Amino acid sequence: YYRLKINLSDTMFETTLPITVALNIPENTWLVYPLPATEIINLRYT
């Protein structure tokens, strides 16, 4: 899981929603990216 911590000062910050990245991708499946989606989402057959 990944997220961004946006540092506004030494003591103030905001964080983004966490995103998930699957690492064990089996063959003959589909990979979706980027996550989260913005204007386009892509699918790739493995």
All heavy atoms as atom14 arrays in JSON, in Angstrom:
{
  "sequence": "YYRLKINLSDTMFETTLPITVALNIPENTWLVYPLPATEIINLRYT",
  "atom14_mask": [
    [1, 1, 1, 1, 1, 1, 1, 1, 1, 1, 1, 1, 0, 0],
    [1, 1, 1, 1, 1, 1, 1, 1, 1, 1, 1, 1, 0, 0],
    [1, 1, 1, 1, 1, 1, 1, 1, 1, 1, 1, 0, 0, 0],
    [1, 1, 1, 1, 1, 1, 1, 1, 0, 0, 0, 0, 0, 0],
    [1, 1, 1, 1, 1, 1, 1, 1, 1, 0, 0, 0, 0, 0],
    [1, 1, 1, 1, 1, 1, 1, 1, 0, 0, 0, 0, 0, 0],
    [1, 1, 1, 1, 1, 1, 1, 1, 0, 0, 0, 0, 0, 0],
    [1, 1, 1, 1, 1, 1, 1, 1, 0, 0, 0, 0, 0, 0],
    [1, 1, 1, 1, 1, 1, 0, 0, 0, 0, 0, 0, 0, 0],
    [1, 1, 1, 1, 1, 1, 1, 1, 0, 0, 0, 0, 0, 0],
    [1, 1, 1, 1, 1, 1, 1, 0, 0, 0, 0, 0, 0, 0],
    [1, 1, 1, 1, 1, 1, 1, 1, 0, 0, 0, 0, 0, 0],
    [1, 1, 1, 1, 1, 1, 1, 1, 1, 1, 1, 0, 0, 0],
    [1, 1, 1, 1, 1, 1, 1, 1, 1, 0, 0, 0, 0, 0],
    [1, 1, 1, 1, 1, 1, 1, 0, 0, 0, 0, 0, 0, 0],
    [1, 1, 1, 1, 1, 1, 1, 0, 0, 0, 0, 0, 0, 0],
    [1, 1, 1, 1, 1, 1, 1, 1, 0, 0, 0, 0, 0, 0],
    [1, 1, 1, 1, 1, 1, 1, 0, 0, 0, 0, 0, 0, 0],
    [1, 1, 1, 1, 1, 1, 1, 1, 0, 0, 0, 0, 0, 0],
    [1, 1, 1, 1, 1, 1, 1, 0, 0, 0, 0, 0, 0, 0],
    [1, 1, 1, 1, 1, 1, 1, 0, 0, 0, 0, 0, 0, 0],
    [1, 1, 1, 1, 1, 0, 0, 0, 0, 0, 0, 0, 0, 0],
    [1, 1, 1, 1, 1, 1, 1, 1, 0, 0, 0, 0, 0, 0],
    [1, 1, 1, 1, 1, 1, 1, 1, 0, 0, 0, 0, 0, 0],
    [1, 1, 1, 1, 1, 1, 1, 1, 0, 0, 0, 0, 0, 0],
    [1, 1, 1, 1, 1, 1, 1, 0, 0, 0, 0, 0, 0, 0],
    [1, 1, 1, 1, 1, 1, 1, 1, 1, 0, 0, 0, 0, 0],
    [1, 1, 1, 1, 1, 1, 1, 1, 0, 0, 0, 0, 0, 0],
    [1, 1, 1, 1, 1, 1, 1, 0, 0, 0, 0, 0, 0, 0],
    [1, 1, 1, 1, 1, 1, 1, 1, 1, 1, 1, 1, 1, 1],
    [1, 1, 1, 1, 1, 1, 1, 1, 0, 0, 0, 0, 0, 0],
    [1, 1, 1, 1, 1, 1, 1, 0, 0, 0, 0, 0, 0, 0],
    [1, 1, 1, 1, 1, 1, 1, 1, 1, 1, 1, 1, 0, 0],
    [1, 1, 1, 1, 1, 1, 1, 0, 0, 0, 0, 0, 0, 0],
    [1, 1, 1, 1, 1, 1, 1, 1, 0, 0, 0, 0, 0, 0],
    [1, 1, 1, 1, 1, 1, 1, 0, 0, 0, 0, 0, 0, 0],
    [1, 1, 1, 1, 1, 0, 0, 0, 0, 0, 0, 0, 0, 0],
    [1, 1, 1, 1, 1, 1, 1, 0, 0, 0, 0, 0, 0, 0],
    [1, 1, 1, 1, 1, 1, 1, 1, 1, 0, 0, 0, 0, 0],
    [1, 1, 1, 1, 1, 1, 1, 1, 0, 0, 0, 0, 0, 0],
    [1, 1, 1, 1, 1, 1, 1, 1, 0, 0, 0, 0, 0, 0],
    [1, 1, 1, 1, 1, 1, 1, 1, 0, 0, 0, 0, 0, 0],
    [1, 1, 1, 1, 1, 1, 1, 1, 0, 0, 0, 0, 0, 0],
    [1, 1, 1, 1, 1, 1, 1, 1, 1, 1, 1, 0, 0, 0],
    [1, 1, 1, 1, 1, 1, 1, 1, 1, 1, 1, 1, 0, 0],
    [1, 1, 1, 1, 1, 1, 1, 0, 0, 0, 0, 0, 0, 0]
  ],
  "atom14_positions": [
    [[0.85, -1.18, 0.0], [0.0, 0.0, 0.0], [0.89, 1.25, 0.0], [1.94, 1.26, 0.64], [-0.91, 0.02, 1.24], [-1.8, -1.18, 1.35], [-1.37, -2.34, 1.98], [-3.08, -1.16, 0.82], [-2.18, -3.45, 2.09], [-3.91, -2.27, 0.92], [-3.46, -3.41, 1.55], [-4.27, -4.51, 1.65], [0.0, 0.0, 0.0], [0.0, 0.0, 0.0]],
    [[0.45, 2.26, -0.71], [1.2, 3.51, -0.78], [0.26, 4.69, -0.53], [-0.92, 4.64, -0.87], [1.84, 3.69, -2.16], [2.88, 2.67, -2.51], [2.53, 1.51, -3.2], [4.22, 2.85, -2.18], [3.48, 0.55, -3.53], [5.17, 1.9, -2.51], [4.8, 0.76, -3.19], [5.74, -0.18, -3.52], [0.0, 0.0, 0.0], [0.0, 0.0, 0.0]],
    [[0.81, 5.75, 0.07], [0.09, 7.01, 0.2], [1.11, 8.14, 0.26], [2.3, 7.92, 0.51], [-0.8, 7.01, 1.44], [-0.05, 7.13, 2.76], [-1.0, 7.13, 3.95], [-0.27, 7.35, 5.2], [-0.82, 7.25, 6.39], [-2.1, 6.92, 6.51], [-0.1, 7.47, 7.48], [0.0, 0.0, 0.0], [0.0, 0.0, 0.0], [0.0, 0.0, 0.0]],
    [[0.62, 9.35, 0.02], [1.45, 10.54, 0.1], [1.13, 11.32, 1.37], [-0.04, 11.5, 1.71], [1.2, 11.47, -1.09], [2.0, 11.26, -2.36], [1.61, 12.32, -3.38], [3.49, 11.29, -2.11], [0.0, 0.0, 0.0], [0.0, 0.0, 0.0], [0.0, 0.0, 0.0], [0.0, 0.0, 0.0], [0.0, 0.0, 0.0], [0.0, 0.0, 0.0]],
    [[2.16, 11.77, 2.03], [2.02, 12.7, 3.15], [2.43, 14.07, 2.63], [3.58, 14.25, 2.21], [2.9, 12.25, 4.31], [2.85, 13.16, 5.53], [3.79, 12.6, 6.6], [3.9, 13.54, 7.79], [4.9, 13.06, 8.76], [0.0, 0.0, 0.0], [0.0, 0.0, 0.0], [0.0, 0.0, 0.0], [0.0, 0.0, 0.0], [0.0, 0.0, 0.0]],
    [[1.48, 15.01, 2.6], [1.75, 16.36, 2.09], [2.09, 17.24, 3.28], [1.23, 17.55, 4.1], [0.55, 16.92, 1.31], [0.17, 15.99, 0.16], [0.84, 18.31, 0.78], [-1.01, 15.12, 0.46], [0.0, 0.0, 0.0], [0.0, 0.0, 0.0], [0.0, 0.0, 0.0], [0.0, 0.0, 0.0], [0.0, 0.0, 0.0], [0.0, 0.0, 0.0]],
    [[3.36, 17.62, 3.39], [3.83, 18.39, 4.52], [3.61, 19.88, 4.27], [4.17, 20.45, 3.35], [5.31, 18.1, 4.78], [5.57, 16.63, 5.02], [5.02, 16.03, 5.93], [6.39, 16.01, 4.16], [0.0, 0.0, 0.0], [0.0, 0.0, 0.0], [0.0, 0.0, 0.0], [0.0, 0.0, 0.0], [0.0, 0.0, 0.0], [0.0, 0.0, 0.0]],
    [[2.76, 20.5, 5.11], [2.43, 21.91, 4.97], [3.29, 22.78, 5.87], [3.45, 23.97, 5.61], [0.95, 22.13, 5.29], [-0.03, 21.27, 4.48], [-1.45, 21.51, 4.95], [0.1, 21.53, 2.99], [0.0, 0.0, 0.0], [0.0, 0.0, 0.0], [0.0, 0.0, 0.0], [0.0, 0.0, 0.0], [0.0, 0.0, 0.0], [0.0, 0.0, 0.0]],
    [[3.83, 22.21, 6.93], [4.76, 22.88, 7.84], [5.45, 21.8, 8.63], [5.28, 20.6, 8.35], [4.02, 23.86, 8.75], [3.24, 23.14, 9.7], [0.0, 0.0, 0.0], [0.0, 0.0, 0.0], [0.0, 0.0, 0.0], [0.0, 0.0, 0.0], [0.0, 0.0, 0.0], [0.0, 0.0, 0.0], [0.0, 0.0, 0.0], [0.0, 0.0, 0.0]],
    [[6.2, 22.19, 9.65], [6.9, 21.19, 10.48], [5.92, 20.32, 11.27], [6.25, 19.21, 11.69], [7.87, 21.87, 11.44], [9.06, 22.46, 10.71], [9.32, 22.03, 9.57], [9.71, 23.36, 11.26], [0.0, 0.0, 0.0], [0.0, 0.0, 0.0], [0.0, 0.0, 0.0], [0.0, 0.0, 0.0], [0.0, 0.0, 0.0], [0.0, 0.0, 0.0]],
    [[4.7, 20.84, 11.5], [3.76, 20.12, 12.36], [2.42, 19.85, 11.7], [1.56, 19.2, 12.3], [3.5, 20.9, 13.66], [3.04, 22.21, 13.33], [4.77, 20.99, 14.49], [0.0, 0.0, 0.0], [0.0, 0.0, 0.0], [0.0, 0.0, 0.0], [0.0, 0.0, 0.0], [0.0, 0.0, 0.0], [0.0, 0.0, 0.0], [0.0, 0.0, 0.0]],
    [[2.2, 20.35, 10.5], [0.91, 20.15, 9.83], [1.1, 19.38, 8.53], [2.03, 19.63, 7.77], [0.24, 21.5, 9.53], [-0.16, 22.27, 10.77], [-1.0, 23.81, 10.36], [-2.51, 23.17, 9.62], [0.0, 0.0, 0.0], [0.0, 0.0, 0.0], [0.0, 0.0, 0.0], [0.0, 0.0, 0.0], [0.0, 0.0, 0.0], [0.0, 0.0, 0.0]],
    [[0.23, 18.42, 8.29], [0.31, 17.62, 7.07], [-1.07, 17.1, 6.71], [-2.0, 17.1, 7.51], [1.27, 16.44, 7.25], [0.83, 15.44, 8.29], [0.03, 14.37, 7.95], [1.24, 15.58, 9.61], [-0.38, 13.45, 8.91], [0.84, 14.66, 10.57], [0.02, 13.6, 10.23], [0.0, 0.0, 0.0], [0.0, 0.0, 0.0], [0.0, 0.0, 0.0]],
    [[-1.2, 16.65, 5.47], [-2.39, 15.96, 4.98], [-1.93, 14.7, 4.28], [-0.79, 14.62, 3.83], [-3.18, 16.86, 4.01], [-3.68, 18.14, 4.64], [-4.3, 19.1, 3.64], [-4.21, 18.86, 2.43], [-4.88, 20.09, 4.1], [0.0, 0.0, 0.0], [0.0, 0.0, 0.0], [0.0, 0.0, 0.0], [0.0, 0.0, 0.0], [0.0, 0.0, 0.0]],
    [[-2.8, 13.71, 4.19], [-2.44, 12.48, 3.49], [-3.46, 12.15, 2.42], [-4.63, 12.54, 2.51], [-2.36, 11.28, 4.47], [-3.62, 11.13, 5.11], [-1.27, 11.5, 5.5], [0.0, 0.0, 0.0], [0.0, 0.0, 0.0], [0.0, 0.0, 0.0], [0.0, 0.0, 0.0], [0.0, 0.0, 0.0], [0.0, 0.0, 0.0], [0.0, 0.0, 0.0]],
    [[-3.01, 11.44, 1.4], [-3.91, 10.98, 0.35], [-4.52, 9.65, 0.77], [-4.04, 8.99, 1.71], [-3.17, 10.78, -0.98], [-2.17, 9.77, -0.8], [-2.51, 12.07, -1.44], [0.0, 0.0, 0.0], [0.0, 0.0, 0.0], [0.0, 0.0, 0.0], [0.0, 0.0, 0.0], [0.0, 0.0, 0.0], [0.0, 0.0, 0.0], [0.0, 0.0, 0.0]],
    [[-5.54, 9.24, 0.07], [-6.07, 7.89, 0.24], [-4.99, 6.88, -0.15], [-4.27, 7.11, -1.12], [-7.3, 7.67, -0.63], [-8.59, 8.35, -0.17], [-9.62, 8.29, -1.29], [-9.14, 7.67, 1.07], [0.0, 0.0, 0.0], [0.0, 0.0, 0.0], [0.0, 0.0, 0.0], [0.0, 0.0, 0.0], [0.0, 0.0, 0.0], [0.0, 0.0, 0.0]],
    [[-4.87, 5.77, 0.56], [-3.88, 4.75, 0.16], [-4.32, 4.04, -1.12], [-5.51, 3.9, -1.4], [-3.86, 3.78, 1.35], [-5.16, 4.0, 2.05], [-5.57, 5.42, 1.8], [0.0, 0.0, 0.0], [0.0, 0.0, 0.0], [0.0, 0.0, 0.0], [0.0, 0.0, 0.0], [0.0, 0.0, 0.0], [0.0, 0.0, 0.0], [0.0, 0.0, 0.0]],
    [[-3.33, 3.63, -1.9], [-3.59, 2.83, -3.09], [-2.93, 1.47, -2.91], [-1.94, 1.34, -2.19], [-3.1, 3.51, -4.38], [-1.59, 3.79, -4.32], [-3.87, 4.8, -4.64], [-1.04, 4.35, -5.61], [0.0, 0.0, 0.0], [0.0, 0.0, 0.0], [0.0, 0.0, 0.0], [0.0, 0.0, 0.0], [0.0, 0.0, 0.0], [0.0, 0.0, 0.0]],
    [[-3.47, 0.46, -3.56], [-3.0, -0.92, -3.41], [-2.3, -1.37, -4.69], [-2.79, -1.13, -5.79], [-4.18, -1.87, -3.13], [-4.96, -1.35, -2.07], [-3.68, -3.26, -2.78], [0.0, 0.0, 0.0], [0.0, 0.0, 0.0], [0.0, 0.0, 0.0], [0.0, 0.0, 0.0], [0.0, 0.0, 0.0], [0.0, 0.0, 0.0], [0.0, 0.0, 0.0]],
    [[-1.17, -2.03, -4.53], [-0.45, -2.61, -5.67], [-0.29, -4.1, -5.43], [0.32, -4.52, -4.45], [0.93, -1.95, -5.85], [1.7, -2.6, -6.99], [0.78, -0.45, -6.1], [0.0, 0.0, 0.0], [0.0, 0.0, 0.0], [0.0, 0.0, 0.0], [0.0, 0.0, 0.0], [0.0, 0.0, 0.0], [0.0, 0.0, 0.0], [0.0, 0.0, 0.0]],
    [[-0.87, -4.91, -6.31], [-0.72, -6.37, -6.22], [0.63, -6.76, -6.81], [0.99, -6.33, -7.91], [-1.85, -7.05, -6.97], [0.0, 0.0, 0.0], [0.0, 0.0, 0.0], [0.0, 0.0, 0.0], [0.0, 0.0, 0.0], [0.0, 0.0, 0.0], [0.0, 0.0, 0.0], [0.0, 0.0, 0.0], [0.0, 0.0, 0.0], [0.0, 0.0, 0.0]],
    [[1.38, -7.59, -6.09], [2.73, -7.95, -6.5], [2.82, -9.35, -7.1], [3.68, -9.61, -7.93], [3.69, -7.85, -5.3], [3.74, -6.47, -4.63], [4.64, -6.51, -3.41], [4.21, -5.41, -5.61], [0.0, 0.0, 0.0], [0.0, 0.0, 0.0], [0.0, 0.0, 0.0], [0.0, 0.0, 0.0], [0.0, 0.0, 0.0], [0.0, 0.0, 0.0]],
    [[1.96, -10.26, -6.68], [1.95, -11.61, -7.25], [0.89, -11.67, -8.34], [-0.25, -12.03, -8.09], [1.66, -12.66, -6.18], [2.89, -12.94, -5.33], [3.99, -12.64, -5.74], [2.68, -13.49, -4.15], [0.0, 0.0, 0.0], [0.0, 0.0, 0.0], [0.0, 0.0, 0.0], [0.0, 0.0, 0.0], [0.0, 0.0, 0.0], [0.0, 0.0, 0.0]],
    [[1.27, -11.3, -9.54], [0.33, -11.27, -10.66], [0.48, -12.57, -11.45], [1.53, -12.81, -12.06], [0.6, -10.06, -11.58], [0.52, -8.77, -10.77], [-0.38, -10.04, -12.74], [0.95, -7.55, -11.55], [0.0, 0.0, 0.0], [0.0, 0.0, 0.0], [0.0, 0.0, 0.0], [0.0, 0.0, 0.0], [0.0, 0.0, 0.0], [0.0, 0.0, 0.0]],
    [[-0.53, -13.42, -11.46], [-0.42, -14.68, -12.21], [-0.45, -14.45, -13.7], [-0.87, -13.4, -14.18], [-1.66, -15.46, -11.74], [-2.63, -14.42, -11.31], [-1.82, -13.29, -10.77], [0.0, 0.0, 0.0], [0.0, 0.0, 0.0], [0.0, 0.0, 0.0], [0.0, 0.0, 0.0], [0.0, 0.0, 0.0], [0.0, 0.0, 0.0], [0.0, 0.0, 0.0]],
    [[0.0, -15.45, -14.45], [-0.08, -15.37, -15.9], [-1.55, -15.51, -16.33], [-2.39, -16.0, -15.6], [0.75, -16.5, -16.54], [2.23, -16.4, -16.23], [2.88, -15.16, -16.8], [2.43, -14.68, -17.86], [3.83, -14.64, -16.18], [0.0, 0.0, 0.0], [0.0, 0.0, 0.0], [0.0, 0.0, 0.0], [0.0, 0.0, 0.0], [0.0, 0.0, 0.0]],
    [[-1.82, -15.07, -17.55], [-3.15, -15.18, -18.16], [-4.22, -14.47, -17.34], [-5.32, -14.99, -17.14], [-3.54, -16.65, -18.38], [-2.52, -17.38, -19.23], [-1.98, -16.81, -20.17], [-2.26, -18.62, -18.9], [0.0, 0.0, 0.0], [0.0, 0.0, 0.0], [0.0, 0.0, 0.0], [0.0, 0.0, 0.0], [0.0, 0.0, 0.0], [0.0, 0.0, 0.0]],
    [[-3.88, -13.29, -16.84], [-4.85, -12.46, -16.14], [-4.73, -11.04, -16.67], [-4.05, -10.79, -17.66], [-4.65, -12.52, -14.62], [-5.76, -11.89, -13.99], [-3.37, -11.86, -14.18], [0.0, 0.0, 0.0], [0.0, 0.0, 0.0], [0.0, 0.0, 0.0], [0.0, 0.0, 0.0], [0.0, 0.0, 0.0], [0.0, 0.0, 0.0], [0.0, 0.0, 0.0]],
    [[-5.39, -10.1, -16.0], [-5.4, -8.71, -16.45], [-4.79, -7.82, -15.38], [-5.05, -7.99, -14.2], [-6.82, -8.26, -16.78], [-7.4, -9.01, -17.94], [-8.03, -10.22, -17.91], [-7.38, -8.61, -19.32], [-8.41, -10.61, -19.16], [-8.03, -9.63, -20.05], [-6.91, -7.5, -19.99], [-8.2, -9.56, -21.43], [-7.08, -7.42, -21.37], [-7.71, -8.45, -22.07]],
    [[-4.0, -6.86, -15.81], [-3.39, -5.87, -14.93], [-4.05, -4.53, -15.21], [-4.15, -4.1, -16.37], [-1.89, -5.79, -15.19], [-1.11, -4.7, -14.46], [-1.12, -4.97, -12.96], [0.33, -4.64, -14.97], [0.0, 0.0, 0.0], [0.0, 0.0, 0.0], [0.0, 0.0, 0.0], [0.0, 0.0, 0.0], [0.0, 0.0, 0.0], [0.0, 0.0, 0.0]],
    [[-4.54, -3.87, -14.17], [-5.21, -2.58, -14.32], [-4.34, -1.49, -13.7], [-3.76, -1.67, -12.63], [-6.62, -2.59, -13.69], [-6.58, -2.92, -12.22], [-7.34, -1.27, -13.92], [0.0, 0.0, 0.0], [0.0, 0.0, 0.0], [0.0, 0.0, 0.0], [0.0, 0.0, 0.0], [0.0, 0.0, 0.0], [0.0, 0.0, 0.0], [0.0, 0.0, 0.0]],
    [[-4.2, -0.35, -14.41], [-3.39, 0.77, -13.93], [-3.8, 2.04, -14.69], [-4.41, 1.93, -15.75], [-1.89, 0.47, -14.13], [-1.47, 0.35, -15.59], [-0.95, 1.45, -16.29], [-1.61, -0.86, -16.27], [-0.58, 1.33, -17.62], [-1.25, -0.98, -17.59], [-0.73, 0.11, -18.27], [-0.38, 0.0, -19.59], [0.0, 0.0, 0.0], [0.0, 0.0, 0.0]],
    [[-3.53, 3.25, -14.2], [-2.99, 3.55, -12.87], [-4.08, 3.43, -11.82], [-5.27, 3.51, -12.13], [-2.53, 5.0, -13.0], [-3.48, 5.6, -13.99], [-3.78, 4.49, -14.97], [0.0, 0.0, 0.0], [0.0, 0.0, 0.0], [0.0, 0.0, 0.0], [0.0, 0.0, 0.0], [0.0, 0.0, 0.0], [0.0, 0.0, 0.0], [0.0, 0.0, 0.0]],
    [[-3.67, 3.24, -10.59], [-4.59, 3.17, -9.46], [-4.17, 4.2, -8.43], [-3.01, 4.22, -8.04], [-4.58, 1.77, -8.83], [-5.11, 0.65, -9.71], [-4.91, -0.69, -9.02], [-6.57, 0.86, -10.05], [0.0, 0.0, 0.0], [0.0, 0.0, 0.0], [0.0, 0.0, 0.0], [0.0, 0.0, 0.0], [0.0, 0.0, 0.0], [0.0, 0.0, 0.0]],
    [[-5.09, 5.04, -7.99], [-6.46, 5.22, -8.45], [-6.51, 5.76, -9.87], [-5.54, 6.31, -10.36], [-7.04, 6.23, -7.46], [-6.09, 6.25, -6.3], [-4.76, 5.91, -6.86], [0.0, 0.0, 0.0], [0.0, 0.0, 0.0], [0.0, 0.0, 0.0], [0.0, 0.0, 0.0], [0.0, 0.0, 0.0], [0.0, 0.0, 0.0], [0.0, 0.0, 0.0]],
    [[-7.68, 5.65, -10.51], [-7.85, 6.15, -11.87], [-8.06, 7.65, -11.84], [-8.63, 8.2, -10.9], [-9.04, 5.46, -12.53], [0.0, 0.0, 0.0], [0.0, 0.0, 0.0], [0.0, 0.0, 0.0], [0.0, 0.0, 0.0], [0.0, 0.0, 0.0], [0.0, 0.0, 0.0], [0.0, 0.0, 0.0], [0.0, 0.0, 0.0], [0.0, 0.0, 0.0]],
    [[-7.6, 8.31, -12.9], [-7.85, 9.74, -13.03], [-8.7, 9.97, -14.29], [-9.91, 9.93, -14.23], [-6.53, 10.52, -13.07], [-5.65, 9.94, -14.05], [-5.85, 10.48, -11.72], [0.0, 0.0, 0.0], [0.0, 0.0, 0.0], [0.0, 0.0, 0.0], [0.0, 0.0, 0.0], [0.0, 0.0, 0.0], [0.0, 0.0, 0.0], [0.0, 0.0, 0.0]],
    [[-8.07, 10.18, -15.45], [-8.83, 10.41, -16.68], [-8.89, 9.19, -17.58], [-9.76, 9.08, -18.43], [-8.22, 11.59, -17.45], [-8.32, 12.91, -16.7], [-7.77, 14.07, -17.49], [-7.2, 13.83, -18.57], [-7.91, 15.21, -17.04], [0.0, 0.0, 0.0], [0.0, 0.0, 0.0], [0.0, 0.0, 0.0], [0.0, 0.0, 0.0], [0.0, 0.0, 0.0]],
    [[-7.96, 8.25, -17.39], [-7.9, 7.03, -18.21], [-7.5, 5.87, -17.31], [-6.68, 6.02, -16.41], [-6.88, 7.17, -19.37], [-7.39, 8.14, -20.43], [-6.59, 5.81, -20.01], [-6.43, 8.34, -21.58], [0.0, 0.0, 0.0], [0.0, 0.0, 0.0], [0.0, 0.0, 0.0], [0.0, 0.0, 0.0], [0.0, 0.0, 0.0], [0.0, 0.0, 0.0]],
    [[-8.1, 4.72, -17.56], [-7.67, 3.49, -16.9], [-7.25, 2.51, -17.98], [-7.87, 2.44, -19.05], [-8.78, 2.92, -15.99], [-8.2, 1.89, -15.03], [-9.93, 2.34, -16.8], [-9.11, 1.56, -13.87], [0.0, 0.0, 0.0], [0.0, 0.0, 0.0], [0.0, 0.0, 0.0], [0.0, 0.0, 0.0], [0.0, 0.0, 0.0], [0.0, 0.0, 0.0]],
    [[-6.16, 1.79, -17.73], [-5.6, 0.86, -18.72], [-5.71, -0.58, -18.23], [-5.56, -0.85, -17.04], [-4.13, 1.19, -18.97], [-3.94, 2.59, -19.5], [-4.31, 2.91, -20.62], [-3.37, 3.45, -18.67], [0.0, 0.0, 0.0], [0.0, 0.0, 0.0], [0.0, 0.0, 0.0], [0.0, 0.0, 0.0], [0.0, 0.0, 0.0], [0.0, 0.0, 0.0]],
    [[-5.94, -1.48, -19.17], [-5.93, -2.91, -18.91], [-4.86, -3.55, -19.8], [-4.75, -3.22, -20.98], [-7.28, -3.54, -19.24], [-8.41, -3.38, -18.23], [-9.69, -3.95, -18.82], [-8.08, -4.07, -16.93], [0.0, 0.0, 0.0], [0.0, 0.0, 0.0], [0.0, 0.0, 0.0], [0.0, 0.0, 0.0], [0.0, 0.0, 0.0], [0.0, 0.0, 0.0]],
    [[-4.09, -4.47, -19.21], [-3.09, -5.2, -19.99], [-3.21, -6.68, -19.7], [-3.19, -7.1, -18.54], [-1.68, -4.7, -19.66], [-0.61, -5.34, -20.56], [0.74, -4.72, -20.33], [1.34, -5.2, -19.09], [2.1, -4.48, -18.29], [2.31, -3.22, -18.55], [2.62, -5.02, -17.2], [0.0, 0.0, 0.0], [0.0, 0.0, 0.0], [0.0, 0.0, 0.0]],
    [[-3.33, -7.48, -20.74], [-3.39, -8.94, -20.59], [-1.99, -9.47, -20.4], [-1.06, -9.15, -21.15], [-4.04, -9.55, -21.83], [-4.18, -11.05, -21.76], [-4.94, -11.65, -20.75], [-3.58, -11.89, -22.7], [-5.08, -13.03, -20.67], [-3.73, -13.26, -22.64], [-4.48, -13.82, -21.63], [-4.63, -15.18, -21.56], [0.0, 0.0, 0.0], [0.0, 0.0, 0.0]],
    [[-1.77, -10.29, -19.35], [-0.43, -10.76, -19.01], [-0.05, -12.08, -19.66], [1.08, -12.55, -19.51], [-0.29, -10.9, -17.48], [-1.22, -11.9, -17.02], [-0.57, -9.58, -16.78], [0.0, 0.0, 0.0], [0.0, 0.0, 0.0], [0.0, 0.0, 0.0], [0.0, 0.0, 0.0], [0.0, 0.0, 0.0], [0.0, 0.0, 0.0], [0.0, 0.0, 0.0]]
  ]
}
